[in-house]
Amino acid sequence: MRARENGKQVSVLVELKARFDEESNIEWARALENAGVHVVYGLIGLKTHCKLTLVVRREKEGIKRYVHVSTGNYNSITARQYTDFGLMTSQEDVGEDATELFNYLTGYSKQRDYRKFLVAPVNLRSQLLTLIERETALGKKKAT
């Protein structure tokens, strides 16, 4: 909300089917909308379990994307209870994937292929199986 108050364009996906947090998420969504944030409620029939932040900035060199991917919720209370992992990067291919994922989740695209991301139900299962098969083959090769 602070970013929006500072004149930034902000979009947020709020999962209303969140376990134990439905009421809280509805309140957050209303507050965000009242602050002028574009709020999306996920895709019908899909549970969105994504901890992803994308910041797009215009810098001297041009447009730059900063991405944070996390195993934990962006919640200051539960953040004190759990140990989570996060990755912050400005790698171009990760930024492109994040942009395309947000476009998919907001209904602006039907993205099927990603450079780095594994996204359910789009490519997670098939890519994980491919990676497992690759590691199995490498392990067998090393064993001989």
C-alpha atoms as a PDB file:
ATOM      1  CA  MET A   1       0.000   0.000   0.000  1.00  0.00           C
ATOM      2  CA  ARG A   2       2.920   2.307   0.716  1.00  0.00           C
ATOM      3  CA  ALA A   3       4.270   1.740  -2.793  1.00  0.00           C
ATOM      4  CA  ARG A   4       0.883   2.704  -4.242  1.00  0.00           C
ATOM      5  CA  GLU A   5       0.726   5.765  -1.979  1.00  0.00           C
ATOM      6  CA  ASN A   6       4.141   6.720  -3.403  1.00  0.00           C
ATOM      7  CA  GLY A   7       2.721   6.709  -6.918  1.00  0.00           C
ATOM      8  CA  LYS A   8       3.859   3.234  -7.955  1.00  0.00           C
ATOM      9  CA  GLN A   9       1.717   0.866  -9.992  1.00  0.00           C
ATOM     10  CA  VAL A  10       1.013  -2.190  -7.827  1.00  0.00           C
ATOM     11  CA  SER A  11      -0.695  -5.513  -8.548  1.00  0.00           C
ATOM     12  CA  VAL A  12      -1.251  -8.215  -5.941  1.00  0.00           C
ATOM     13  CA  LEU A  13      -2.684 -11.707  -6.115  1.00  0.00           C
ATOM     14  CA  VAL A  14      -4.576 -12.599  -2.957  1.00  0.00           C
ATOM     15  CA  GLU A  15      -5.489 -16.230  -2.343  1.00  0.00           C
ATOM     16  CA  LEU A  16      -8.912 -16.333  -0.729  1.00  0.00           C
ATOM     17  CA  LYS A  17      -8.763 -20.087  -0.109  1.00  0.00           C
ATOM     18  CA  ALA A  18      -5.764 -19.726   2.188  1.00  0.00           C
ATOM     19  CA  ARG A  19      -5.913 -22.129   5.119  1.00  0.00           C
ATOM     20  CA  PHE A  20      -6.927 -20.297   8.311  1.00  0.00           C
ATOM     21  CA  ASP A  21      -6.405 -16.898   6.641  1.00  0.00           C
ATOM     22  CA  GLU A  22      -9.531 -16.429   4.506  1.00  0.00           C
ATOM     23  CA  GLU A  23     -10.994 -13.647   6.632  1.00  0.00           C
ATOM     24  CA  SER A  24      -7.652 -11.893   7.017  1.00  0.00           C
ATOM     25  CA  ASN A  25      -6.981 -12.136   3.282  1.00  0.00           C
ATOM     26  CA  ILE A  26     -10.382 -10.610   2.472  1.00  0.00           C
ATOM     27  CA  GLU A  27      -9.600  -7.695   4.796  1.00  0.00           C
ATOM     28  CA  TRP A  28      -6.164  -7.244   3.182  1.00  0.00           C
ATOM     29  CA  ALA A  29      -7.687  -7.363  -0.295  1.00  0.00           C
ATOM     30  CA  ARG A  30     -10.217  -4.667   0.606  1.00  0.00           C
ATOM     31  CA  ALA A  31      -7.543  -2.444   2.150  1.00  0.00           C
ATOM     32  CA  LEU A  32      -5.306  -2.906  -0.899  1.00  0.00           C
ATOM     33  CA  GLU A  33      -8.151  -2.079  -3.287  1.00  0.00           C
ATOM     34  CA  ASN A  34      -9.037   1.006  -1.234  1.00  0.00           C
ATOM     35  CA  ALA A  35      -5.407   2.139  -1.584  1.00  0.00           C
ATOM     36  CA  GLY A  36      -5.654   1.824  -5.380  1.00  0.00           C
ATOM     37  CA  VAL A  37      -3.827  -1.492  -5.735  1.00  0.00           C
ATOM     38  CA  HIS A  38      -4.947  -3.810  -8.551  1.00  0.00           C
ATOM     39  CA  VAL A  39      -6.048  -6.945  -6.668  1.00  0.00           C
ATOM     40  CA  VAL A  40      -6.437 -10.288  -8.430  1.00  0.00           C
ATOM     41  CA  TYR A  41      -8.044 -13.250  -6.671  1.00  0.00           C
ATOM     42  CA  GLY A  42      -6.333 -16.119  -8.468  1.00  0.00           C
ATOM     43  CA  LEU A  43      -7.536 -18.504 -11.127  1.00  0.00           C
ATOM     44  CA  ILE A  44     -10.846 -20.354 -10.834  1.00  0.00           C
ATOM     45  CA  GLY A  45     -10.264 -23.959  -9.838  1.00  0.00           C
ATOM     46  CA  LEU A  46      -6.619 -23.428  -8.902  1.00  0.00           C
ATOM     47  CA  LYS A  47      -5.104 -23.009  -5.459  1.00  0.00           C
ATOM     48  CA  THR A  48      -2.352 -20.452  -5.837  1.00  0.00           C
ATOM     49  CA  HIS A  49       0.536 -21.174  -3.486  1.00  0.00           C
ATOM     50  CA  CYS A  50       3.122 -18.745  -4.751  1.00  0.00           C
ATOM     51  CA  LYS A  51       5.521 -16.639  -2.708  1.00  0.00           C
ATOM     52  CA  LEU A  52       6.856 -14.284  -5.337  1.00  0.00           C
ATOM     53  CA  THR A  53       7.572 -10.584  -5.535  1.00  0.00           C
ATOM     54  CA  LEU A  54       8.481  -8.776  -8.728  1.00  0.00           C
ATOM     55  CA  VAL A  55       9.698  -5.192  -8.738  1.00  0.00           C
ATOM     56  CA  VAL A  56      10.106  -3.525 -12.119  1.00  0.00           C
ATOM     57  CA  ARG A  57      12.178  -0.344 -12.130  1.00  0.00           C
ATOM     58  CA  ARG A  58      13.209   2.129 -14.763  1.00  0.00           C
ATOM     59  CA  GLU A  59      16.922   2.722 -14.245  1.00  0.00           C
ATOM     60  CA  LYS A  60      19.631   4.552 -16.228  1.00  0.00           C
ATOM     61  CA  GLU A  61      20.451   1.385 -18.189  1.00  0.00           C
ATOM     62  CA  GLY A  62      16.752   0.705 -18.918  1.00  0.00           C
ATOM     63  CA  ILE A  63      14.092  -1.460 -17.346  1.00  0.00           C
ATOM     64  CA  LYS A  64      15.379  -3.760 -14.588  1.00  0.00           C
ATOM     65  CA  ARG A  65      13.445  -6.489 -12.777  1.00  0.00           C
ATOM     66  CA  TYR A  66      14.117  -7.625  -9.230  1.00  0.00           C
ATOM     67  CA  VAL A  67      12.585 -10.919  -8.107  1.00  0.00           C
ATOM     68  CA  HIS A  68      12.180 -12.434  -4.659  1.00  0.00           C
ATOM     69  CA  VAL A  69      11.089 -16.087  -4.468  1.00  0.00           C
ATOM     70  CA  SER A  70      10.398 -17.490  -1.026  1.00  0.00           C
ATOM     71  CA  THR A  71       9.304 -20.653   0.738  1.00  0.00           C
ATOM     72  CA  GLY A  72       7.469 -18.536   3.309  1.00  0.00           C
ATOM     73  CA  ASN A  73       4.534 -16.188   3.444  1.00  0.00           C
ATOM     74  CA  TYR A  74       5.034 -12.459   3.445  1.00  0.00           C
ATOM     75  CA  ASN A  75       3.605 -12.222   6.939  1.00  0.00           C
ATOM     76  CA  SER A  76       5.499 -10.459   9.717  1.00  0.00           C
ATOM     77  CA  ILE A  77       3.916 -12.588  12.454  1.00  0.00           C
ATOM     78  CA  THR A  78       4.541 -16.060  11.012  1.00  0.00           C
ATOM     79  CA  ALA A  79       7.970 -14.980   9.792  1.00  0.00           C
ATOM     80  CA  ARG A  80       9.062 -15.051  13.427  1.00  0.00           C
ATOM     81  CA  GLN A  81       7.829 -18.629  13.857  1.00  0.00           C
ATOM     82  CA  TYR A  82       9.316 -20.367  10.833  1.00  0.00           C
ATOM     83  CA  THR A  83      12.624 -20.651   9.050  1.00  0.00           C
ATOM     84  CA  ASP A  84      12.177 -19.954   5.366  1.00  0.00           C
ATOM     85  CA  PHE A  85      14.445 -19.627   2.382  1.00  0.00           C
ATOM     86  CA  GLY A  86      14.402 -16.820  -0.107  1.00  0.00           C
ATOM     87  CA  LEU A  87      16.180 -15.928  -3.305  1.00  0.00           C
ATOM     88  CA  MET A  88      16.580 -12.334  -4.433  1.00  0.00           C
ATOM     89  CA  THR A  89      17.894 -11.852  -7.946  1.00  0.00           C
ATOM     90  CA  SER A  90      17.935  -9.515 -10.901  1.00  0.00           C
ATOM     91  CA  GLN A  91      18.829 -12.301 -13.347  1.00  0.00           C
ATOM     92  CA  GLU A  92      17.085 -11.503 -16.620  1.00  0.00           C
ATOM     93  CA  ASP A  93      15.663 -14.969 -17.294  1.00  0.00           C
ATOM     94  CA  VAL A  94      14.198 -15.174 -13.778  1.00  0.00           C
ATOM     95  CA  GLY A  95      12.699 -11.689 -14.181  1.00  0.00           C
ATOM     96  CA  GLU A  96      11.174 -12.683 -17.507  1.00  0.00           C
ATOM     97  CA  ASP A  97       9.721 -15.840 -15.956  1.00  0.00           C
ATOM     98  CA  ALA A  98       8.280 -13.878 -13.033  1.00  0.00           C
ATOM     99  CA  THR A  99       6.714 -11.351 -15.399  1.00  0.00           C
ATOM    100  CA  GLU A 100       5.188 -14.126 -17.496  1.00  0.00           C
ATOM    101  CA  LEU A 101       3.971 -15.978 -14.395  1.00  0.00           C
ATOM    102  CA  PHE A 102       2.219 -12.857 -13.095  1.00  0.00           C
ATOM    103  CA  ASN A 103       0.646 -12.371 -16.523  1.00  0.00           C
ATOM    104  CA  TYR A 104      -0.550 -15.998 -16.399  1.00  0.00           C
ATOM    105  CA  LEU A 105      -1.951 -15.654 -12.864  1.00  0.00           C
ATOM    106  CA  THR A 106      -3.761 -12.422 -13.700  1.00  0.00           C
ATOM    107  CA  GLY A 107      -5.294 -13.957 -16.812  1.00  0.00           C
ATOM    108  CA  TYR A 108      -3.332 -11.864 -19.318  1.00  0.00           C
ATOM    109  CA  SER A 109      -1.565 -14.834 -20.919  1.00  0.00           C
ATOM    110  CA  LYS A 110      -1.659 -18.601 -21.224  1.00  0.00           C
ATOM    111  CA  GLN A 111       2.061 -19.094 -20.697  1.00  0.00           C
ATOM    112  CA  ARG A 112       3.236 -22.694 -21.100  1.00  0.00           C
ATOM    113  CA  ASP A 113       7.023 -22.451 -21.256  1.00  0.00           C
ATOM    114  CA  TYR A 114       9.357 -20.894 -18.718  1.00  0.00           C
ATOM    115  CA  ARG A 115      13.135 -20.520 -18.751  1.00  0.00           C
ATOM    116  CA  LYS A 116      13.795 -21.365 -15.069  1.00  0.00           C
ATOM    117  CA  PHE A 117      10.467 -21.674 -13.277  1.00  0.00           C
ATOM    118  CA  LEU A 118       8.577 -24.885 -12.685  1.00  0.00           C
ATOM    119  CA  VAL A 119       4.905 -23.950 -12.465  1.00  0.00           C
ATOM    120  CA  ALA A 120       2.017 -26.237 -11.540  1.00  0.00           C
ATOM    121  CA  PRO A 121      -0.137 -27.240 -13.297  1.00  0.00           C
ATOM    122  CA  VAL A 122       1.679 -25.979 -16.394  1.00  0.00           C
ATOM    123  CA  ASN A 123       5.087 -27.703 -16.413  1.00  0.00           C
ATOM    124  CA  LEU A 124       6.025 -28.735 -12.865  1.00  0.00           C
ATOM    125  CA  ARG A 125       5.235 -32.448 -13.112  1.00  0.00           C
ATOM    126  CA  SER A 126       6.752 -33.048 -16.550  1.00  0.00           C
ATOM    127  CA  GLN A 127       9.884 -31.031 -15.798  1.00  0.00           C
ATOM    128  CA  LEU A 128      10.428 -32.693 -12.406  1.00  0.00           C
ATOM    129  CA  LEU A 129      10.143 -36.128 -14.025  1.00  0.00           C
ATOM    130  CA  THR A 130      12.627 -35.082 -16.721  1.00  0.00           C
ATOM    131  CA  LEU A 131      15.074 -33.799 -14.092  1.00  0.00           C
ATOM    132  CA  ILE A 132      14.730 -36.986 -12.020  1.00  0.00           C
ATOM    133  CA  GLU A 133      15.355 -39.127 -15.101  1.00  0.00           C
ATOM    134  CA  ARG A 134      18.420 -37.026 -15.949  1.00  0.00           C
ATOM    135  CA  GLU A 135      19.861 -37.390 -12.440  1.00  0.00           C
ATOM    136  CA  THR A 136      19.121 -41.125 -12.434  1.00  0.00           C
ATOM    137  CA  ALA A 137      20.967 -41.541 -15.740  1.00  0.00           C
ATOM    138  CA  LEU A 138      23.923 -39.494 -14.453  1.00  0.00           C
ATOM    139  CA  GLY A 139      24.036 -41.575 -11.272  1.00  0.00           C
ATOM    140  CA  LYS A 140      24.050 -44.815 -13.251  1.00  0.00           C
ATOM    141  CA  LYS A 141      26.772 -43.461 -15.528  1.00  0.00           C
ATOM    142  CA  LYS A 142      28.978 -42.536 -12.538  1.00  0.00           C
ATOM    143  CA  ALA A 143      28.400 -45.959 -10.948  1.00  0.00           C
ATOM    144  CA  THR A 144      29.846 -47.803 -13.950  1.00  0.00           C
END
